[in-house]
């Protein structure tokens, strides 16, 4: 696995699709060849399509990024994260899966919702320099 990869959370890609300037700047800093998505983020983005044209556009647009699959190890880790943080921090299943994939691949996560992940010690959150 390429160590320069940065996993982008669903909200980052959505903001990029909306041409949000700060997000575009951050993604330029990362470099398009270093942007990765988790399989869950890929699905969440496609789920936002309102018609066939939007679905086609989203598929064409996000297929350029590396998509990291949900491994058996990440599956086990996400269950542990839910058990540990569902009551204390309200950890959602999708966020647990995204975090577990980032931990499993040993890659940092770029998210606009730091609060959803900051309590997970093993995760490295990417910060724009």
C-alpha atoms as a PDB file:
ATOM      1  CA  UNK A   1       0.000   0.000   0.000  1.00  0.00           C
ATOM      2  CA  UNK A   2       1.304   3.432  -0.907  1.00  0.00           C
ATOM      3  CA  UNK A   3       2.124   5.333   2.267  1.00  0.00           C
ATOM      4  CA  UNK A   4       1.397   8.743   0.708  1.00  0.00           C
ATOM      5  CA  UNK A   5      -2.286   7.892   0.411  1.00  0.00           C
ATOM      6  CA  UNK A   6      -4.760   9.900   2.467  1.00  0.00           C
ATOM      7  CA  UNK A   7      -8.226   8.466   3.040  1.00  0.00           C
ATOM      8  CA  UNK A   8     -10.874  11.116   2.451  1.00  0.00           C
ATOM      9  CA  UNK A   9     -14.096  10.904   4.409  1.00  0.00           C
ATOM     10  CA  UNK A  10     -17.407  11.137   2.581  1.00  0.00           C
ATOM     11  CA  UNK A  11     -17.931  14.756   3.666  1.00  0.00           C
ATOM     12  CA  UNK A  12     -14.625  15.804   2.074  1.00  0.00           C
ATOM     13  CA  UNK A  13     -15.575  14.361  -1.307  1.00  0.00           C
ATOM     14  CA  UNK A  14     -19.067  15.882  -1.094  1.00  0.00           C
ATOM     15  CA  UNK A  15     -17.556  19.317  -0.399  1.00  0.00           C
ATOM     16  CA  UNK A  16     -15.129  18.820  -3.298  1.00  0.00           C
ATOM     17  CA  UNK A  17     -18.041  17.930  -5.591  1.00  0.00           C
ATOM     18  CA  UNK A  18     -19.721  21.169  -4.444  1.00  0.00           C
ATOM     19  CA  UNK A  19     -16.517  23.095  -5.351  1.00  0.00           C
ATOM     20  CA  UNK A  20     -15.929  24.269  -1.775  1.00  0.00           C
ATOM     21  CA  UNK A  21     -12.675  26.309  -1.986  1.00  0.00           C
ATOM     22  CA  UNK A  22     -11.022  25.206   1.292  1.00  0.00           C
ATOM     23  CA  UNK A  23     -11.638  21.543   0.484  1.00  0.00           C
ATOM     24  CA  UNK A  24     -10.330  21.969  -3.060  1.00  0.00           C
ATOM     25  CA  UNK A  25      -7.184  23.601  -1.654  1.00  0.00           C
ATOM     26  CA  UNK A  26      -6.655  20.739   0.809  1.00  0.00           C
ATOM     27  CA  UNK A  27      -7.107  18.116  -1.906  1.00  0.00           C
ATOM     28  CA  UNK A  28      -4.639  19.948  -4.142  1.00  0.00           C
ATOM     29  CA  UNK A  29      -2.145  19.790  -1.276  1.00  0.00           C
ATOM     30  CA  UNK A  30      -2.715  16.024  -0.954  1.00  0.00           C
ATOM     31  CA  UNK A  31      -2.514  15.475  -4.722  1.00  0.00           C
ATOM     32  CA  UNK A  32      -5.114  13.557  -6.718  1.00  0.00           C
ATOM     33  CA  UNK A  33      -2.843  10.505  -6.983  1.00  0.00           C
ATOM     34  CA  UNK A  34      -2.792  10.273  -3.166  1.00  0.00           C
ATOM     35  CA  UNK A  35      -6.549  10.466  -2.551  1.00  0.00           C
ATOM     36  CA  UNK A  36      -8.226   7.269  -1.405  1.00  0.00           C
ATOM     37  CA  UNK A  37     -11.810   6.470  -0.450  1.00  0.00           C
ATOM     38  CA  UNK A  38     -13.151   3.667   1.657  1.00  0.00           C
ATOM     39  CA  UNK A  39     -15.671   1.347   0.070  1.00  0.00           C
ATOM     40  CA  UNK A  40     -18.320   2.718   2.460  1.00  0.00           C
ATOM     41  CA  UNK A  41     -17.637   6.320   1.385  1.00  0.00           C
ATOM     42  CA  UNK A  42     -17.833   5.239  -2.253  1.00  0.00           C
ATOM     43  CA  UNK A  43     -21.285   3.773  -1.579  1.00  0.00           C
ATOM     44  CA  UNK A  44     -22.437   6.774   0.494  1.00  0.00           C
ATOM     45  CA  UNK A  45     -21.515   9.141  -2.333  1.00  0.00           C
ATOM     46  CA  UNK A  46     -23.378   7.064  -4.917  1.00  0.00           C
ATOM     47  CA  UNK A  47     -26.377   6.860  -2.590  1.00  0.00           C
ATOM     48  CA  UNK A  48     -26.683  10.650  -2.894  1.00  0.00           C
ATOM     49  CA  UNK A  49     -27.543  10.458  -6.605  1.00  0.00           C
ATOM     50  CA  UNK A  50     -31.050  11.662  -7.382  1.00  0.00           C
ATOM     51  CA  UNK A  51     -31.258  10.253 -10.912  1.00  0.00           C
ATOM     52  CA  UNK A  52     -29.361   8.193 -13.508  1.00  0.00           C
ATOM     53  CA  UNK A  53     -27.429  11.178 -14.829  1.00  0.00           C
ATOM     54  CA  UNK A  54     -26.171  12.092 -11.365  1.00  0.00           C
ATOM     55  CA  UNK A  55     -25.289   8.468 -10.660  1.00  0.00           C
ATOM     56  CA  UNK A  56     -23.292   8.261 -13.900  1.00  0.00           C
ATOM     57  CA  UNK A  57     -21.546  11.576 -13.129  1.00  0.00           C
ATOM     58  CA  UNK A  58     -20.655  10.490  -9.593  1.00  0.00           C
ATOM     59  CA  UNK A  59     -19.360   7.116 -10.770  1.00  0.00           C
ATOM     60  CA  UNK A  60     -17.236   8.705 -13.481  1.00  0.00           C
ATOM     61  CA  UNK A  61     -15.925  11.368 -11.105  1.00  0.00           C
ATOM     62  CA  UNK A  62     -15.005   9.274  -8.064  1.00  0.00           C
ATOM     63  CA  UNK A  63     -13.684   6.229  -9.930  1.00  0.00           C
ATOM     64  CA  UNK A  64     -10.428   8.155 -10.404  1.00  0.00           C
ATOM     65  CA  UNK A  65      -9.622   7.621  -6.718  1.00  0.00           C
ATOM     66  CA  UNK A  66      -8.282   4.478  -5.100  1.00  0.00           C
ATOM     67  CA  UNK A  67     -11.042   2.628  -3.239  1.00  0.00           C
ATOM     68  CA  UNK A  68      -9.944   0.681  -0.172  1.00  0.00           C
ATOM     69  CA  UNK A  69     -12.022  -2.373   0.574  1.00  0.00           C
ATOM     70  CA  UNK A  70     -13.494  -3.504   3.860  1.00  0.00           C
ATOM     71  CA  UNK A  71     -11.164  -6.317   4.932  1.00  0.00           C
ATOM     72  CA  UNK A  72     -11.868  -9.008   7.492  1.00  0.00           C
ATOM     73  CA  UNK A  73      -9.517  -7.248   9.923  1.00  0.00           C
ATOM     74  CA  UNK A  74     -11.354  -3.949   9.410  1.00  0.00           C
ATOM     75  CA  UNK A  75     -14.658  -5.750   9.942  1.00  0.00           C
ATOM     76  CA  UNK A  76     -13.488  -7.035  13.307  1.00  0.00           C
ATOM     77  CA  UNK A  77     -12.003  -3.644  14.242  1.00  0.00           C
ATOM     78  CA  UNK A  78     -15.208  -1.781  13.383  1.00  0.00           C
ATOM     79  CA  UNK A  79     -17.201  -4.093  15.659  1.00  0.00           C
ATOM     80  CA  UNK A  80     -14.733  -3.424  18.482  1.00  0.00           C
ATOM     81  CA  UNK A  81     -15.008   0.328  17.884  1.00  0.00           C
ATOM     82  CA  UNK A  82     -18.819   0.195  18.000  1.00  0.00           C
ATOM     83  CA  UNK A  83     -18.747  -1.817  21.220  1.00  0.00           C
ATOM     84  CA  UNK A  84     -16.285   0.625  22.765  1.00  0.00           C
ATOM     85  CA  UNK A  85     -17.777   3.945  21.600  1.00  0.00           C
ATOM     86  CA  UNK A  86     -21.459   3.587  20.654  1.00  0.00           C
ATOM     87  CA  UNK A  87     -22.730   4.562  24.099  1.00  0.00           C
ATOM     88  CA  UNK A  88     -20.033   7.018  25.155  1.00  0.00           C
ATOM     89  CA  UNK A  89     -19.641   8.886  21.853  1.00  0.00           C
ATOM     90  CA  UNK A  90     -22.564   7.790  19.660  1.00  0.00           C
ATOM     91  CA  UNK A  91     -20.240   6.246  17.072  1.00  0.00           C
ATOM     92  CA  UNK A  92     -22.178   5.477  13.896  1.00  0.00           C
ATOM     93  CA  UNK A  93     -21.658   2.267  11.893  1.00  0.00           C
ATOM     94  CA  UNK A  94     -20.393   4.050   8.758  1.00  0.00           C
ATOM     95  CA  UNK A  95     -17.879   6.076  10.786  1.00  0.00           C
ATOM     96  CA  UNK A  96     -16.708   2.939  12.615  1.00  0.00           C
ATOM     97  CA  UNK A  97     -16.126   1.216   9.267  1.00  0.00           C
ATOM     98  CA  UNK A  98     -14.271   4.215   7.816  1.00  0.00           C
ATOM     99  CA  UNK A  99     -12.095   4.451  10.945  1.00  0.00           C
ATOM    100  CA  UNK A 100     -11.421   0.708  10.955  1.00  0.00           C
ATOM    101  CA  UNK A 101     -10.356   0.758   7.300  1.00  0.00           C
ATOM    102  CA  UNK A 102      -7.994   3.688   7.977  1.00  0.00           C
ATOM    103  CA  UNK A 103      -6.510   1.837  10.961  1.00  0.00           C
ATOM    104  CA  UNK A 104      -6.257  -1.446   9.041  1.00  0.00           C
ATOM    105  CA  UNK A 105      -4.435   0.163   6.100  1.00  0.00           C
ATOM    106  CA  UNK A 106      -2.319   2.354   8.396  1.00  0.00           C
ATOM    107  CA  UNK A 107      -3.344   5.521   6.563  1.00  0.00           C
ATOM    108  CA  UNK A 108      -4.446   8.941   7.835  1.00  0.00           C
ATOM    109  CA  UNK A 109      -8.045  10.085   7.487  1.00  0.00           C
ATOM    110  CA  UNK A 110      -9.027  13.525   6.208  1.00  0.00           C
ATOM    111  CA  UNK A 111     -12.446  14.426   7.592  1.00  0.00           C
ATOM    112  CA  UNK A 112     -14.368  17.628   8.117  1.00  0.00           C
ATOM    113  CA  UNK A 113     -16.068  16.059  11.156  1.00  0.00           C
ATOM    114  CA  UNK A 114     -13.148  15.658  13.556  1.00  0.00           C
ATOM    115  CA  UNK A 115     -15.583  15.139  16.450  1.00  0.00           C
ATOM    116  CA  UNK A 116     -16.753  11.873  14.894  1.00  0.00           C
ATOM    117  CA  UNK A 117     -13.266  10.342  15.156  1.00  0.00           C
ATOM    118  CA  UNK A 118     -11.096  12.239  17.691  1.00  0.00           C
ATOM    119  CA  UNK A 119     -11.812   9.800  20.521  1.00  0.00           C
ATOM    120  CA  UNK A 120     -10.373   6.834  18.574  1.00  0.00           C
ATOM    121  CA  UNK A 121      -6.751   6.618  19.719  1.00  0.00           C
ATOM    122  CA  UNK A 122      -5.461   4.427  16.885  1.00  0.00           C
ATOM    123  CA  UNK A 123      -6.604   6.686  14.066  1.00  0.00           C
ATOM    124  CA  UNK A 124      -4.393   9.373  12.561  1.00  0.00           C
ATOM    125  CA  UNK A 125      -6.372  12.397  11.419  1.00  0.00           C
ATOM    126  CA  UNK A 126      -4.860  14.352   8.524  1.00  0.00           C
ATOM    127  CA  UNK A 127      -4.539  18.090   9.017  1.00  0.00           C
ATOM    128  CA  UNK A 128      -3.936  20.644   6.299  1.00  0.00           C
ATOM    129  CA  UNK A 129      -0.543  22.289   6.809  1.00  0.00           C
END
